[in-house]
């Protein structure tokens, strides 16, 4: 049996893109799930995400470094995941340009 609604997170990955590719996979008023594709992308120095929502993120393919305003940084490889509480300032320091980095991000309301 085939399902015409079946999708694959690794389908149609671009080799090079000028901006990150963000695709909303599912959402409602409480949660949003996104696939993010990066190819050598980074946030500008001095820029910080300061989000109203909690974010749980996992790297499925590729490699990236997250930096937090408090000074810590983590290099993420496939399978590595991180919970980023609402208002914890952070940015993407780099993503590899050797292959697309595929992230799965789940955003949900802070209580």
C-alpha atoms as a PDB file:
ATOM      1  CA  UNK A   1       0.000   0.000   0.000  1.00  0.00           C
ATOM      2  CA  UNK A   2       1.340   3.437  -0.859  1.00  0.00           C
ATOM      3  CA  UNK A   3       0.443   6.644   0.907  1.00  0.00           C
ATOM      4  CA  UNK A   4       0.455   9.752  -1.284  1.00  0.00           C
ATOM      5  CA  UNK A   5       0.852  11.860   1.897  1.00  0.00           C
ATOM      6  CA  UNK A   6       4.133  10.154   2.836  1.00  0.00           C
ATOM      7  CA  UNK A   7       7.089  12.542   2.935  1.00  0.00           C
ATOM      8  CA  UNK A   8      10.785  12.182   3.735  1.00  0.00           C
ATOM      9  CA  UNK A   9      12.861  14.761   5.654  1.00  0.00           C
ATOM     10  CA  UNK A  10      15.801  14.131   3.319  1.00  0.00           C
ATOM     11  CA  UNK A  11      13.850  14.646   0.069  1.00  0.00           C
ATOM     12  CA  UNK A  12      14.788  17.521  -2.209  1.00  0.00           C
ATOM     13  CA  UNK A  13      17.735  18.802  -0.186  1.00  0.00           C
ATOM     14  CA  UNK A  14      19.384  21.739  -1.947  1.00  0.00           C
ATOM     15  CA  UNK A  15      23.164  21.740  -2.385  1.00  0.00           C
ATOM     16  CA  UNK A  16      23.630  25.481  -1.924  1.00  0.00           C
ATOM     17  CA  UNK A  17      21.091  28.074  -0.859  1.00  0.00           C
ATOM     18  CA  UNK A  18      21.508  31.742  -0.013  1.00  0.00           C
ATOM     19  CA  UNK A  19      19.263  31.549   3.077  1.00  0.00           C
ATOM     20  CA  UNK A  20      18.231  28.725   5.344  1.00  0.00           C
ATOM     21  CA  UNK A  21      15.254  26.766   4.067  1.00  0.00           C
ATOM     22  CA  UNK A  22      12.525  26.476   6.714  1.00  0.00           C
ATOM     23  CA  UNK A  23       9.557  24.193   6.136  1.00  0.00           C
ATOM     24  CA  UNK A  24       6.713  23.971   8.652  1.00  0.00           C
ATOM     25  CA  UNK A  25       5.816  20.289   8.908  1.00  0.00           C
ATOM     26  CA  UNK A  26       2.999  20.576  11.455  1.00  0.00           C
ATOM     27  CA  UNK A  27       1.575  23.224  13.749  1.00  0.00           C
ATOM     28  CA  UNK A  28      -1.310  24.197  15.948  1.00  0.00           C
ATOM     29  CA  UNK A  29      -1.819  26.870  18.602  1.00  0.00           C
ATOM     30  CA  UNK A  30       0.529  25.067  21.049  1.00  0.00           C
ATOM     31  CA  UNK A  31       3.349  23.558  18.982  1.00  0.00           C
ATOM     32  CA  UNK A  32       5.190  24.051  15.665  1.00  0.00           C
ATOM     33  CA  UNK A  33       7.509  21.498  14.036  1.00  0.00           C
ATOM     34  CA  UNK A  34       9.958  22.698  11.393  1.00  0.00           C
ATOM     35  CA  UNK A  35      12.557  21.183   9.112  1.00  0.00           C
ATOM     36  CA  UNK A  36      15.454  23.594   8.709  1.00  0.00           C
ATOM     37  CA  UNK A  37      18.104  23.098   6.027  1.00  0.00           C
ATOM     38  CA  UNK A  38      21.394  25.012   6.285  1.00  0.00           C
ATOM     39  CA  UNK A  39      24.382  24.949   3.938  1.00  0.00           C
ATOM     40  CA  UNK A  40      27.257  26.898   5.444  1.00  0.00           C
ATOM     41  CA  UNK A  41      24.941  29.363   7.176  1.00  0.00           C
ATOM     42  CA  UNK A  42      25.621  31.309  10.367  1.00  0.00           C
ATOM     43  CA  UNK A  43      23.988  34.151  12.260  1.00  0.00           C
ATOM     44  CA  UNK A  44      25.724  37.509  12.204  1.00  0.00           C
ATOM     45  CA  UNK A  45      28.027  38.345  15.097  1.00  0.00           C
ATOM     46  CA  UNK A  46      26.069  40.164  17.758  1.00  0.00           C
ATOM     47  CA  UNK A  47      22.722  38.658  16.666  1.00  0.00           C
ATOM     48  CA  UNK A  48      20.860  36.584  19.275  1.00  0.00           C
ATOM     49  CA  UNK A  49      17.640  34.618  18.987  1.00  0.00           C
ATOM     50  CA  UNK A  50      15.467  35.579  21.973  1.00  0.00           C
ATOM     51  CA  UNK A  51      12.371  33.474  21.477  1.00  0.00           C
ATOM     52  CA  UNK A  52       9.045  33.510  23.318  1.00  0.00           C
ATOM     53  CA  UNK A  53       8.806  29.725  22.910  1.00  0.00           C
ATOM     54  CA  UNK A  54      10.873  26.788  24.125  1.00  0.00           C
ATOM     55  CA  UNK A  55      12.780  25.097  21.299  1.00  0.00           C
ATOM     56  CA  UNK A  56      13.878  21.476  21.129  1.00  0.00           C
ATOM     57  CA  UNK A  57      16.234  20.954  18.208  1.00  0.00           C
ATOM     58  CA  UNK A  58      18.024  17.907  16.790  1.00  0.00           C
ATOM     59  CA  UNK A  59      20.579  17.661  13.980  1.00  0.00           C
ATOM     60  CA  UNK A  60      19.623  14.806  11.653  1.00  0.00           C
ATOM     61  CA  UNK A  61      22.380  15.323   9.066  1.00  0.00           C
ATOM     62  CA  UNK A  62      25.418  17.589   8.827  1.00  0.00           C
ATOM     63  CA  UNK A  63      27.071  19.549  11.616  1.00  0.00           C
ATOM     64  CA  UNK A  64      26.622  22.893  13.358  1.00  0.00           C
ATOM     65  CA  UNK A  65      27.697  24.931  16.351  1.00  0.00           C
ATOM     66  CA  UNK A  66      25.274  26.698  18.678  1.00  0.00           C
ATOM     67  CA  UNK A  67      26.571  29.519  20.887  1.00  0.00           C
ATOM     68  CA  UNK A  68      24.734  30.846  23.919  1.00  0.00           C
ATOM     69  CA  UNK A  69      24.975  34.393  25.254  1.00  0.00           C
ATOM     70  CA  UNK A  70      26.095  33.015  28.634  1.00  0.00           C
ATOM     71  CA  UNK A  71      29.320  31.876  26.917  1.00  0.00           C
ATOM     72  CA  UNK A  72      28.877  28.164  26.332  1.00  0.00           C
ATOM     73  CA  UNK A  73      28.888  26.577  22.885  1.00  0.00           C
ATOM     74  CA  UNK A  74      28.068  23.130  21.564  1.00  0.00           C
ATOM     75  CA  UNK A  75      28.991  21.410  18.319  1.00  0.00           C
ATOM     76  CA  UNK A  76      26.080  19.307  17.147  1.00  0.00           C
ATOM     77  CA  UNK A  77      26.362  16.235  14.939  1.00  0.00           C
ATOM     78  CA  UNK A  78      23.671  13.805  13.742  1.00  0.00           C
ATOM     79  CA  UNK A  79      21.594  12.619  16.669  1.00  0.00           C
ATOM     80  CA  UNK A  80      22.628  15.445  19.001  1.00  0.00           C
ATOM     81  CA  UNK A  81      19.700  17.367  20.436  1.00  0.00           C
ATOM     82  CA  UNK A  82      19.283  20.351  22.733  1.00  0.00           C
ATOM     83  CA  UNK A  83      16.432  21.949  24.633  1.00  0.00           C
ATOM     84  CA  UNK A  84      16.659  25.738  24.479  1.00  0.00           C
ATOM     85  CA  UNK A  85      14.352  27.369  27.037  1.00  0.00           C
ATOM     86  CA  UNK A  86      12.357  30.439  26.065  1.00  0.00           C
ATOM     87  CA  UNK A  87      14.467  33.621  26.197  1.00  0.00           C
ATOM     88  CA  UNK A  88      17.791  31.765  26.382  1.00  0.00           C
ATOM     89  CA  UNK A  89      19.702  33.877  23.888  1.00  0.00           C
ATOM     90  CA  UNK A  90      21.542  31.817  21.288  1.00  0.00           C
ATOM     91  CA  UNK A  91      22.745  31.842  17.707  1.00  0.00           C
ATOM     92  CA  UNK A  92      24.110  29.512  15.056  1.00  0.00           C
ATOM     93  CA  UNK A  93      27.858  30.091  14.876  1.00  0.00           C
ATOM     94  CA  UNK A  94      28.305  27.939  11.754  1.00  0.00           C
ATOM     95  CA  UNK A  95      26.921  25.024   9.778  1.00  0.00           C
ATOM     96  CA  UNK A  96      29.054  22.838   7.578  1.00  0.00           C
ATOM     97  CA  UNK A  97      29.250  23.709   3.904  1.00  0.00           C
ATOM     98  CA  UNK A  98      30.302  20.150   2.986  1.00  0.00           C
ATOM     99  CA  UNK A  99      26.711  18.899   2.974  1.00  0.00           C
ATOM    100  CA  UNK A 100      23.281  20.210   3.918  1.00  0.00           C
ATOM    101  CA  UNK A 101      22.676  20.335   7.654  1.00  0.00           C
ATOM    102  CA  UNK A 102      19.156  19.124   8.381  1.00  0.00           C
ATOM    103  CA  UNK A 103      17.594  20.203  11.670  1.00  0.00           C
ATOM    104  CA  UNK A 104      14.275  19.223  13.170  1.00  0.00           C
ATOM    105  CA  UNK A 105      12.987  21.942  15.512  1.00  0.00           C
ATOM    106  CA  UNK A 106       9.993  21.710  17.818  1.00  0.00           C
ATOM    107  CA  UNK A 107       8.725  24.992  19.283  1.00  0.00           C
ATOM    108  CA  UNK A 108       6.210  24.988  22.109  1.00  0.00           C
ATOM    109  CA  UNK A 109       4.688  27.487  24.464  1.00  0.00           C
ATOM    110  CA  UNK A 110       6.438  28.497  27.652  1.00  0.00           C
ATOM    111  CA  UNK A 111       4.124  28.298  30.662  1.00  0.00           C
END
